[in-house]
Amino acid sequence: MEKIAVIGEKGSGKTSLLRAFFRLVEFDSGIVKIDNVDISQLEPRQLRSHLSIIPHDQVIFSGFLLDLFLLIFFFYFLFFSLSNFQK
């Protein structure tokens, strides 16, 4: 099994490439081959069962650093409050 990553700037054609691989669109001309197999000759279900997508969403960690900072601050405050309380 081979894994590839498709990366590029916004508008560089990543989504168009994936649409072609998964045969979500049909083209009037040209051929898409994977391992020298013309994917238009395969049943879509058969083709898609061998492909997968792992999307990367830029906002998946939205607020993560702020939450982490607040959590660290909370435990820092809690630790020093308890240590001063015991004295």
PDB file of N, CA and C in Angstrom:
ATOM      1  N   MET A   1       0.845  -1.167   0.000  1.00  0.00           N
ATOM      2  CA  MET A   1       0.000   0.000   0.000  1.00  0.00           C
ATOM      3  C   MET A   1       0.894   1.236   0.000  1.00  0.00           C
ATOM      4  N   GLU A   2       0.586   2.162  -0.853  1.00  0.00           N
ATOM      5  CA  GLU A   2       1.346   3.401  -0.954  1.00  0.00           C
ATOM      6  C   GLU A   2       0.485   4.549  -0.477  1.00  0.00           C
ATOM      7  N   LYS A   3       1.100   5.476   0.221  1.00  0.00           N
ATOM      8  CA  LYS A   3       0.383   6.650   0.702  1.00  0.00           C
ATOM      9  C   LYS A   3       1.012   7.876   0.073  1.00  0.00           C
ATOM     10  N   ILE A   4       0.165   8.790  -0.371  1.00  0.00           N
ATOM     11  CA  ILE A   4       0.651  10.051  -0.918  1.00  0.00           C
ATOM     12  C   ILE A   4      -0.079  11.193  -0.233  1.00  0.00           C
ATOM     13  N   ALA A   5       0.522  12.340  -0.257  1.00  0.00           N
ATOM     14  CA  ALA A   5      -0.108  13.542   0.282  1.00  0.00           C
ATOM     15  C   ALA A   5      -0.245  14.550  -0.845  1.00  0.00           C
ATOM     16  N   VAL A   6      -1.375  15.200  -0.884  1.00  0.00           N
ATOM     17  CA  VAL A   6      -1.606  16.258  -1.856  1.00  0.00           C
ATOM     18  C   VAL A   6      -1.639  17.565  -1.082  1.00  0.00           C
ATOM     19  N   ILE A   7      -0.633  18.395  -1.321  1.00  0.00           N
ATOM     20  CA  ILE A   7      -0.558  19.675  -0.624  1.00  0.00           C
ATOM     21  C   ILE A   7      -0.390  20.788  -1.650  1.00  0.00           C
ATOM     22  N   GLY A   8      -0.778  21.955  -1.292  1.00  0.00           N
ATOM     23  CA  GLY A   8      -0.626  23.091  -2.189  1.00  0.00           C
ATOM     24  C   GLY A   8      -1.378  24.285  -1.663  1.00  0.00           C
ATOM     25  N   GLU A   9      -1.135  25.385  -2.299  1.00  0.00           N
ATOM     26  CA  GLU A   9      -1.786  26.618  -1.881  1.00  0.00           C
ATOM     27  C   GLU A   9      -3.257  26.621  -2.263  1.00  0.00           C
ATOM     28  N   LYS A  10      -3.979  27.538  -1.690  1.00  0.00           N
ATOM     29  CA  LYS A  10      -5.394  27.707  -1.989  1.00  0.00           C
ATOM     30  C   LYS A  10      -5.565  27.970  -3.480  1.00  0.00           C
ATOM     31  N   GLY A  11      -6.459  27.217  -4.114  1.00  0.00           N
ATOM     32  CA  GLY A  11      -6.727  27.397  -5.532  1.00  0.00           C
ATOM     33  C   GLY A  11      -5.772  26.674  -6.468  1.00  0.00           C
ATOM     34  N   SER A  12      -4.938  25.786  -5.920  1.00  0.00           N
ATOM     35  CA  SER A  12      -3.947  25.107  -6.767  1.00  0.00           C
ATOM     36  C   SER A  12      -4.471  23.837  -7.424  1.00  0.00           C
ATOM     37  N   GLY A  13      -5.717  23.432  -7.122  1.00  0.00           N
ATOM     38  CA  GLY A  13      -6.306  22.282  -7.795  1.00  0.00           C
ATOM     39  C   GLY A  13      -6.348  20.999  -6.981  1.00  0.00           C
ATOM     40  N   LYS A  14      -6.120  21.075  -5.688  1.00  0.00           N
ATOM     41  CA  LYS A  14      -6.141  19.867  -4.846  1.00  0.00           C
ATOM     42  C   LYS A  14      -7.511  19.208  -4.876  1.00  0.00           C
ATOM     43  N   THR A  15      -8.547  19.987  -4.711  1.00  0.00           N
ATOM     44  CA  THR A  15      -9.909  19.439  -4.704  1.00  0.00           C
ATOM     45  C   THR A  15     -10.276  18.878  -6.068  1.00  0.00           C
ATOM     46  N   SER A  16      -9.880  19.548  -7.129  1.00  0.00           N
ATOM     47  CA  SER A  16     -10.160  19.049  -8.483  1.00  0.00           C
ATOM     48  C   SER A  16      -9.477  17.713  -8.714  1.00  0.00           C
ATOM     49  N   LEU A  17      -8.256  17.585  -8.233  1.00  0.00           N
ATOM     50  CA  LEU A  17      -7.523  16.329  -8.365  1.00  0.00           C
ATOM     51  C   LEU A  17      -8.231  15.197  -7.616  1.00  0.00           C
ATOM     52  N   LEU A  18      -8.672  15.475  -6.403  1.00  0.00           N
ATOM     53  CA  LEU A  18      -9.372  14.446  -5.620  1.00  0.00           C
ATOM     54  C   LEU A  18     -10.710  14.080  -6.244  1.00  0.00           C
ATOM     55  N   ARG A  19     -11.404  15.057  -6.793  1.00  0.00           N
ATOM     56  CA  ARG A  19     -12.664  14.767  -7.486  1.00  0.00           C
ATOM     57  C   ARG A  19     -12.434  13.845  -8.671  1.00  0.00           C
ATOM     58  N   ALA A  20     -11.333  14.056  -9.370  1.00  0.00           N
ATOM     59  CA  ALA A  20     -11.000  13.188 -10.504  1.00  0.00           C
ATOM     60  C   ALA A  20     -10.656  11.785 -10.025  1.00  0.00           C
ATOM     61  N   PHE A  21      -9.842  11.681  -8.963  1.00  0.00           N
ATOM     62  CA  PHE A  21      -9.473  10.365  -8.434  1.00  0.00           C
ATOM     63  C   PHE A  21     -10.685   9.564  -7.990  1.00  0.00           C
ATOM     64  N   PHE A  22     -11.622  10.204  -7.333  1.00  0.00           N
ATOM     65  CA  PHE A  22     -12.797   9.511  -6.809  1.00  0.00           C
ATOM     66  C   PHE A  22     -13.943   9.432  -7.819  1.00  0.00           C
ATOM     67  N   ARG A  23     -13.693   9.925  -9.021  1.00  0.00           N
ATOM     68  CA  ARG A  23     -14.689   9.944 -10.094  1.00  0.00           C
ATOM     69  C   ARG A  23     -15.986  10.609  -9.657  1.00  0.00           C
ATOM     70  N   LEU A  24     -15.840  11.721  -8.978  1.00  0.00           N
ATOM     71  CA  LEU A  24     -17.012  12.504  -8.605  1.00  0.00           C
ATOM     72  C   LEU A  24     -17.455  13.375  -9.769  1.00  0.00           C
ATOM     73  N   VAL A  25     -16.549  13.565 -10.718  1.00  0.00           N
ATOM     74  CA  VAL A  25     -16.862  14.276 -11.961  1.00  0.00           C
ATOM     75  C   VAL A  25     -16.355  13.424 -13.117  1.00  0.00           C
ATOM     76  N   GLU A  26     -17.037  13.497 -14.227  1.00  0.00           N
ATOM     77  CA  GLU A  26     -16.589  12.797 -15.437  1.00  0.00           C
ATOM     78  C   GLU A  26     -16.059  13.844 -16.407  1.00  0.00           C
ATOM     79  N   PHE A  27     -14.972  13.520 -17.064  1.00  0.00           N
ATOM     80  CA  PHE A  27     -14.344  14.447 -17.985  1.00  0.00           C
ATOM     81  C   PHE A  27     -14.659  14.068 -19.422  1.00  0.00           C
ATOM     82  N   ASP A  28     -14.666  15.077 -20.300  1.00  0.00           N
ATOM     83  CA  ASP A  28     -14.906  14.859 -21.724  1.00  0.00           C
ATOM     84  C   ASP A  28     -13.670  14.299 -22.420  1.00  0.00           C
ATOM     85  N   SER A  29     -12.499  14.640 -21.888  1.00  0.00           N
ATOM     86  CA  SER A  29     -11.264  14.160 -22.523  1.00  0.00           C
ATOM     87  C   SER A  29     -10.222  13.896 -21.444  1.00  0.00           C
ATOM     88  N   GLY A  30      -9.218  13.135 -21.818  1.00  0.00           N
ATOM     89  CA  GLY A  30      -8.141  12.820 -20.890  1.00  0.00           C
ATOM     90  C   GLY A  30      -8.384  11.513 -20.152  1.00  0.00           C
ATOM     91  N   ILE A  31      -7.342  11.014 -19.532  1.00  0.00           N
ATOM     92  CA  ILE A  31      -7.397   9.744 -18.812  1.00  0.00           C
ATOM     93  C   ILE A  31      -6.711   9.926 -17.466  1.00  0.00           C
ATOM     94  N   VAL A  32      -7.307   9.358 -16.441  1.00  0.00           N
ATOM     95  CA  VAL A  32      -6.669   9.300 -15.126  1.00  0.00           C
ATOM     96  C   VAL A  32      -6.302   7.847 -14.885  1.00  0.00           C
ATOM     97  N   LYS A  33      -5.015   7.603 -14.664  1.00  0.00           N
ATOM     98  CA  LYS A  33      -4.544   6.245 -14.411  1.00  0.00           C
ATOM     99  C   LYS A  33      -3.920   6.172 -13.026  1.00  0.00           C
ATOM    100  N   ILE A  34      -4.221   5.092 -12.347  1.00  0.00           N
ATOM    101  CA  ILE A  34      -3.573   4.768 -11.075  1.00  0.00           C
ATOM    102  C   ILE A  34      -2.971   3.391 -11.248  1.00  0.00           C
ATOM    103  N   ASP A  35      -1.670   3.273 -11.062  1.00  0.00           N
ATOM    104  CA  ASP A  35      -0.941   2.015 -11.298  1.00  0.00           C
ATOM    105  C   ASP A  35      -1.215   1.469 -12.704  1.00  0.00           C
ATOM    106  N   ASN A  36      -1.203   2.363 -13.691  1.00  0.00           N
ATOM    107  CA  ASN A  36      -1.442   2.020 -15.105  1.00  0.00           C
ATOM    108  C   ASN A  36      -2.837   1.463 -15.370  1.00  0.00           C
ATOM    109  N   VAL A  37      -3.771   1.719 -14.495  1.00  0.00           N
ATOM    110  CA  VAL A  37      -5.160   1.284 -14.693  1.00  0.00           C
ATOM    111  C   VAL A  37      -6.007   2.527 -14.933  1.00  0.00           C
ATOM    112  N   ASP A  38      -6.699   2.552 -16.052  1.00  0.00           N
ATOM    113  CA  ASP A  38      -7.607   3.651 -16.365  1.00  0.00           C
ATOM    114  C   ASP A  38      -8.791   3.569 -15.402  1.00  0.00           C
ATOM    115  N   ILE A  39      -8.930   4.576 -14.546  1.00  0.00           N
ATOM    116  CA  ILE A  39      -9.963   4.487 -13.506  1.00  0.00           C
ATOM    117  C   ILE A  39     -11.375   4.588 -14.071  1.00  0.00           C
ATOM    118  N   SER A  40     -11.511   5.055 -15.307  1.00  0.00           N
ATOM    119  CA  SER A  40     -12.854   5.117 -15.901  1.00  0.00           C
ATOM    120  C   SER A  40     -13.380   3.721 -16.226  1.00  0.00           C
ATOM    121  N   GLN A  41     -12.499   2.719 -16.260  1.00  0.00           N
ATOM    122  CA  GLN A  41     -12.901   1.342 -16.545  1.00  0.00           C
ATOM    123  C   GLN A  41     -13.321   0.588 -15.279  1.00  0.00           C
ATOM    124  N   LEU A  42     -13.125   1.196 -14.119  1.00  0.00           N
ATOM    125  CA  LEU A  42     -13.483   0.557 -12.853  1.00  0.00           C
ATOM    126  C   LEU A  42     -14.854   1.033 -12.394  1.00  0.00           C
ATOM    127  N   GLU A  43     -15.536   0.182 -11.661  1.00  0.00           N
ATOM    128  CA  GLU A  43     -16.779   0.595 -11.019  1.00  0.00           C
ATOM    129  C   GLU A  43     -16.427   1.607  -9.930  1.00  0.00           C
ATOM    130  N   PRO A  44     -17.199   2.686  -9.802  1.00  0.00           N
ATOM    131  CA  PRO A  44     -16.884   3.687  -8.781  1.00  0.00           C
ATOM    132  C   PRO A  44     -16.747   3.099  -7.372  1.00  0.00           C
ATOM    133  N   ARG A  45     -17.598   2.166  -7.026  1.00  0.00           N
ATOM    134  CA  ARG A  45     -17.533   1.548  -5.695  1.00  0.00           C
ATOM    135  C   ARG A  45     -16.212   0.804  -5.500  1.00  0.00           C
ATOM    136  N   GLN A  46     -15.788   0.089  -6.525  1.00  0.00           N
ATOM    137  CA  GLN A  46     -14.528  -0.652  -6.455  1.00  0.00           C
ATOM    138  C   GLN A  46     -13.347   0.320  -6.319  1.00  0.00           C
ATOM    139  N   LEU A  47     -13.366   1.371  -7.127  1.00  0.00           N
ATOM    140  CA  LEU A  47     -12.301   2.367  -7.083  1.00  0.00           C
ATOM    141  C   LEU A  47     -12.233   3.032  -5.712  1.00  0.00           C
ATOM    142  N   ARG A  48     -13.368   3.499  -5.229  1.00  0.00           N
ATOM    143  CA  ARG A  48     -13.408   4.256  -3.970  1.00  0.00           C
ATOM    144  C   ARG A  48     -13.069   3.404  -2.758  1.00  0.00           C
ATOM    145  N   SER A  49     -13.249   2.099  -2.868  1.00  0.00           N
ATOM    146  CA  SER A  49     -12.919   1.226  -1.735  1.00  0.00           C
ATOM    147  C   SER A  49     -11.410   1.137  -1.511  1.00  0.00           C
ATOM    148  N   HIS A  50     -10.628   1.574  -2.490  1.00  0.00           N
ATOM    149  CA  HIS A  50      -9.170   1.528  -2.377  1.00  0.00           C
ATOM    150  C   HIS A  50      -8.553   2.902  -2.127  1.00  0.00           C
ATOM    151  N   LEU A  51      -9.384   3.929  -2.001  1.00  0.00           N
ATOM    152  CA  LEU A  51      -8.897   5.285  -1.776  1.00  0.00           C
ATOM    153  C   LEU A  51      -9.447   5.821  -0.467  1.00  0.00           C
ATOM    154  N   SER A  52      -8.721   6.717   0.148  1.00  0.00           N
ATOM    155  CA  SER A  52      -9.226   7.366   1.364  1.00  0.00           C
ATOM    156  C   SER A  52      -8.692   8.788   1.429  1.00  0.00           C
ATOM    157  N   ILE A  53      -9.374   9.601   2.192  1.00  0.00           N
ATOM    158  CA  ILE A  53      -8.993  11.000   2.376  1.00  0.00           C
ATOM    159  C   ILE A  53      -8.880  11.274   3.869  1.00  0.00           C
ATOM    160  N   ILE A  54      -7.820  11.946   4.236  1.00  0.00           N
ATOM    161  CA  ILE A  54      -7.679  12.448   5.601  1.00  0.00           C
ATOM    162  C   ILE A  54      -7.585  13.963   5.485  1.00  0.00           C
ATOM    163  N   PRO A  55      -8.706  14.656   5.689  1.00  0.00           N
ATOM    164  CA  PRO A  55      -8.675  16.108   5.503  1.00  0.00           C
ATOM    165  C   PRO A  55      -7.923  16.802   6.629  1.00  0.00           C
ATOM    166  N   HIS A  56      -7.360  17.926   6.302  1.00  0.00           N
ATOM    167  CA  HIS A  56      -6.687  18.751   7.296  1.00  0.00           C
ATOM    168  C   HIS A  56      -7.424  20.078   7.332  1.00  0.00           C
ATOM    169  N   ASP A  57      -8.105  20.305   8.405  1.00  0.00           N
ATOM    170  CA  ASP A  57      -8.864  21.528   8.563  1.00  0.00           C
ATOM    171  C   ASP A  57      -8.036  22.510   9.377  1.00  0.00           C
ATOM    172  N   GLN A  58      -7.812  23.699   8.852  1.00  0.00           N
ATOM    173  CA  GLN A  58      -6.963  24.661   9.534  1.00  0.00           C
ATOM    174  C   GLN A  58      -7.546  25.154  10.851  1.00  0.00           C
ATOM    175  N   VAL A  59      -8.843  25.055  11.038  1.00  0.00           N
ATOM    176  CA  VAL A  59      -9.445  25.549  12.268  1.00  0.00           C
ATOM    177  C   VAL A  59      -9.680  24.434  13.284  1.00  0.00           C
ATOM    178  N   ILE A  60      -9.109  23.257  13.051  1.00  0.00           N
ATOM    179  CA  ILE A  60      -9.343  22.141  13.955  1.00  0.00           C
ATOM    180  C   ILE A  60      -8.798  22.429  15.352  1.00  0.00           C
ATOM    181  N   PHE A  61      -7.729  23.249  15.451  1.00  0.00           N
ATOM    182  CA  PHE A  61      -7.158  23.590  16.741  1.00  0.00           C
ATOM    183  C   PHE A  61      -7.507  25.008  17.158  1.00  0.00           C
ATOM    184  N   SER A  62      -8.593  25.533  16.648  1.00  0.00           N
ATOM    185  CA  SER A  62      -9.003  26.883  16.994  1.00  0.00           C
ATOM    186  C   SER A  62      -9.218  26.996  18.493  1.00  0.00           C
ATOM    187  N   GLY A  63      -8.549  27.928  19.099  1.00  0.00           N
ATOM    188  CA  GLY A  63      -8.687  28.135  20.536  1.00  0.00           C
ATOM    189  C   GLY A  63      -7.856  27.189  21.377  1.00  0.00           C
ATOM    190  N   PHE A  64      -7.171  26.248  20.757  1.00  0.00           N
ATOM    191  CA  PHE A  64      -6.422  25.236  21.498  1.00  0.00           C
ATOM    192  C   PHE A  64      -5.339  25.865  22.374  1.00  0.00           C
ATOM    193  N   LEU A  65      -4.568  26.780  21.806  1.00  0.00           N
ATOM    194  CA  LEU A  65      -3.483  27.391  22.572  1.00  0.00           C
ATOM    195  C   LEU A  65      -4.014  28.242  23.722  1.00  0.00           C
ATOM    196  N   LEU A  66      -5.096  28.957  23.484  1.00  0.00           N
ATOM    197  CA  LEU A  66      -5.698  29.746  24.558  1.00  0.00           C
ATOM    198  C   LEU A  66      -6.202  28.832  25.671  1.00  0.00           C
ATOM    199  N   ASP A  67      -6.878  27.749  25.296  1.00  0.00           N
ATOM    200  CA  ASP A  67      -7.361  26.796  26.293  1.00  0.00           C
ATOM    201  C   ASP A  67      -6.206  26.190  27.077  1.00  0.00           C
ATOM    202  N   LEU A  68      -5.122  25.862  26.389  1.00  0.00           N
ATOM    203  CA  LEU A  68      -3.953  25.286  27.045  1.00  0.00           C
ATOM    204  C   LEU A  68      -3.335  26.288  28.011  1.00  0.00           C
ATOM    205  N   PHE A  69      -3.213  27.530  27.576  1.00  0.00           N
ATOM    206  CA  PHE A  69      -2.660  28.581  28.433  1.00  0.00           C
ATOM    207  C   PHE A  69      -3.520  28.754  29.684  1.00  0.00           C
ATOM    208  N   LEU A  70      -4.832  28.804  29.509  1.00  0.00           N
ATOM    209  CA  LEU A  70      -5.726  28.981  30.656  1.00  0.00           C
ATOM    210  C   LEU A  70      -5.657  27.793  31.608  1.00  0.00           C
ATOM    211  N   LEU A  71      -5.520  26.594  31.072  1.00  0.00           N
ATOM    212  CA  LEU A  71      -5.405  25.401  31.901  1.00  0.00           C
ATOM    213  C   LEU A  71      -4.107  25.437  32.715  1.00  0.00           C
ATOM    214  N   ILE A  72      -3.011  25.793  32.061  1.00  0.00           N
ATOM    215  CA  ILE A  72      -1.728  25.890  32.770  1.00  0.00           C
ATOM    216  C   ILE A  72      -1.806  26.974  33.840  1.00  0.00           C
ATOM    217  N   PHE A  73      -2.371  28.125  33.495  1.00  0.00           N
ATOM    218  CA  PHE A  73      -2.517  29.205  34.465  1.00  0.00           C
ATOM    219  C   PHE A  73      -3.353  28.754  35.656  1.00  0.00           C
ATOM    220  N   PHE A  74      -4.444  28.021  35.402  1.00  0.00           N
ATOM    221  CA  PHE A  74      -5.304  27.541  36.478  1.00  0.00           C
ATOM    222  C   PHE A  74      -4.535  26.634  37.436  1.00  0.00           C
ATOM    223  N   PHE A  75      -3.799  25.657  36.890  1.00  0.00           N
ATOM    224  CA  PHE A  75      -3.051  24.734  37.754  1.00  0.00           C
ATOM    225  C   PHE A  75      -1.901  25.439  38.460  1.00  0.00           C
ATOM    226  N   TYR A  76      -1.282  26.401  37.806  1.00  0.00           N
ATOM    227  CA  TYR A  76      -0.221  27.193  38.434  1.00  0.00           C
ATOM    228  C   TYR A  76      -0.789  27.949  39.633  1.00  0.00           C
ATOM    229  N   PHE A  77      -1.920  28.623  39.418  1.00  0.00           N
ATOM    230  CA  PHE A  77      -2.578  29.374  40.480  1.00  0.00           C
ATOM    231  C   PHE A  77      -3.024  28.441  41.601  1.00  0.00           C
ATOM    232  N   LEU A  78      -3.603  27.300  41.244  1.00  0.00           N
ATOM    233  CA  LEU A  78      -4.069  26.335  42.231  1.00  0.00           C
ATOM    234  C   LEU A  78      -2.909  25.792  43.055  1.00  0.00           C
ATOM    235  N   PHE A  79      -1.807  25.454  42.409  1.00  0.00           N
ATOM    236  CA  PHE A  79      -0.642  24.910  43.096  1.00  0.00           C
ATOM    237  C   PHE A  79      -0.087  25.914  44.096  1.00  0.00           C
ATOM    238  N   PHE A  80       0.115  27.166  43.679  1.00  0.00           N
ATOM    239  CA  PHE A  80       0.691  28.154  44.580  1.00  0.00           C
ATOM    240  C   PHE A  80      -0.304  28.601  45.645  1.00  0.00           C
ATOM    241  N   SER A  81      -1.583  28.563  45.348  1.00  0.00           N
ATOM    242  CA  SER A  81      -2.569  28.898  46.374  1.00  0.00           C
ATOM    243  C   SER A  81      -2.562  27.823  47.465  1.00  0.00           C
ATOM    244  N   LEU A  82      -2.517  26.569  47.079  1.00  0.00           N
ATOM    245  CA  LEU A  82      -2.498  25.484  48.066  1.00  0.00           C
ATOM    246  C   LEU A  82      -1.182  25.455  48.830  1.00  0.00           C
ATOM    247  N   SER A  83      -0.073  25.727  48.180  1.00  0.00           N
ATOM    248  CA  SER A  83       1.211  25.687  48.875  1.00  0.00           C
ATOM    249  C   SER A  83       1.313  26.846  49.875  1.00  0.00           C
ATOM    250  N   ASN A  84       0.739  27.996  49.576  1.00  0.00           N
ATOM    251  CA  ASN A  84       0.724  29.120  50.520  1.00  0.00           C
ATOM    252  C   ASN A  84      -0.262  28.863  51.650  1.00  0.00           C
ATOM    253  N   PHE A  85      -1.317  28.150  51.363  1.00  0.00           N
ATOM    254  CA  PHE A  85      -2.338  27.841  52.371  1.00  0.00           C
ATOM    255  C   PHE A  85      -1.794  26.915  53.449  1.00  0.00           C
ATOM    256  N   GLN A  86      -0.917  25.998  53.056  1.00  0.00           N
ATOM    257  CA  GLN A  86      -0.385  25.023  54.004  1.00  0.00           C
ATOM    258  C   GLN A  86       0.650  25.625  54.937  1.00  0.00           C
ATOM    259  N   LYS A  87       1.217  26.774  54.616  1.00  0.00           N
ATOM    260  CA  LYS A  87       2.251  27.389  55.450  1.00  0.00           C
ATOM    261  C   LYS A  87       1.683  28.119  56.633  1.00  0.00           C
TER     262      LYS A  87
END
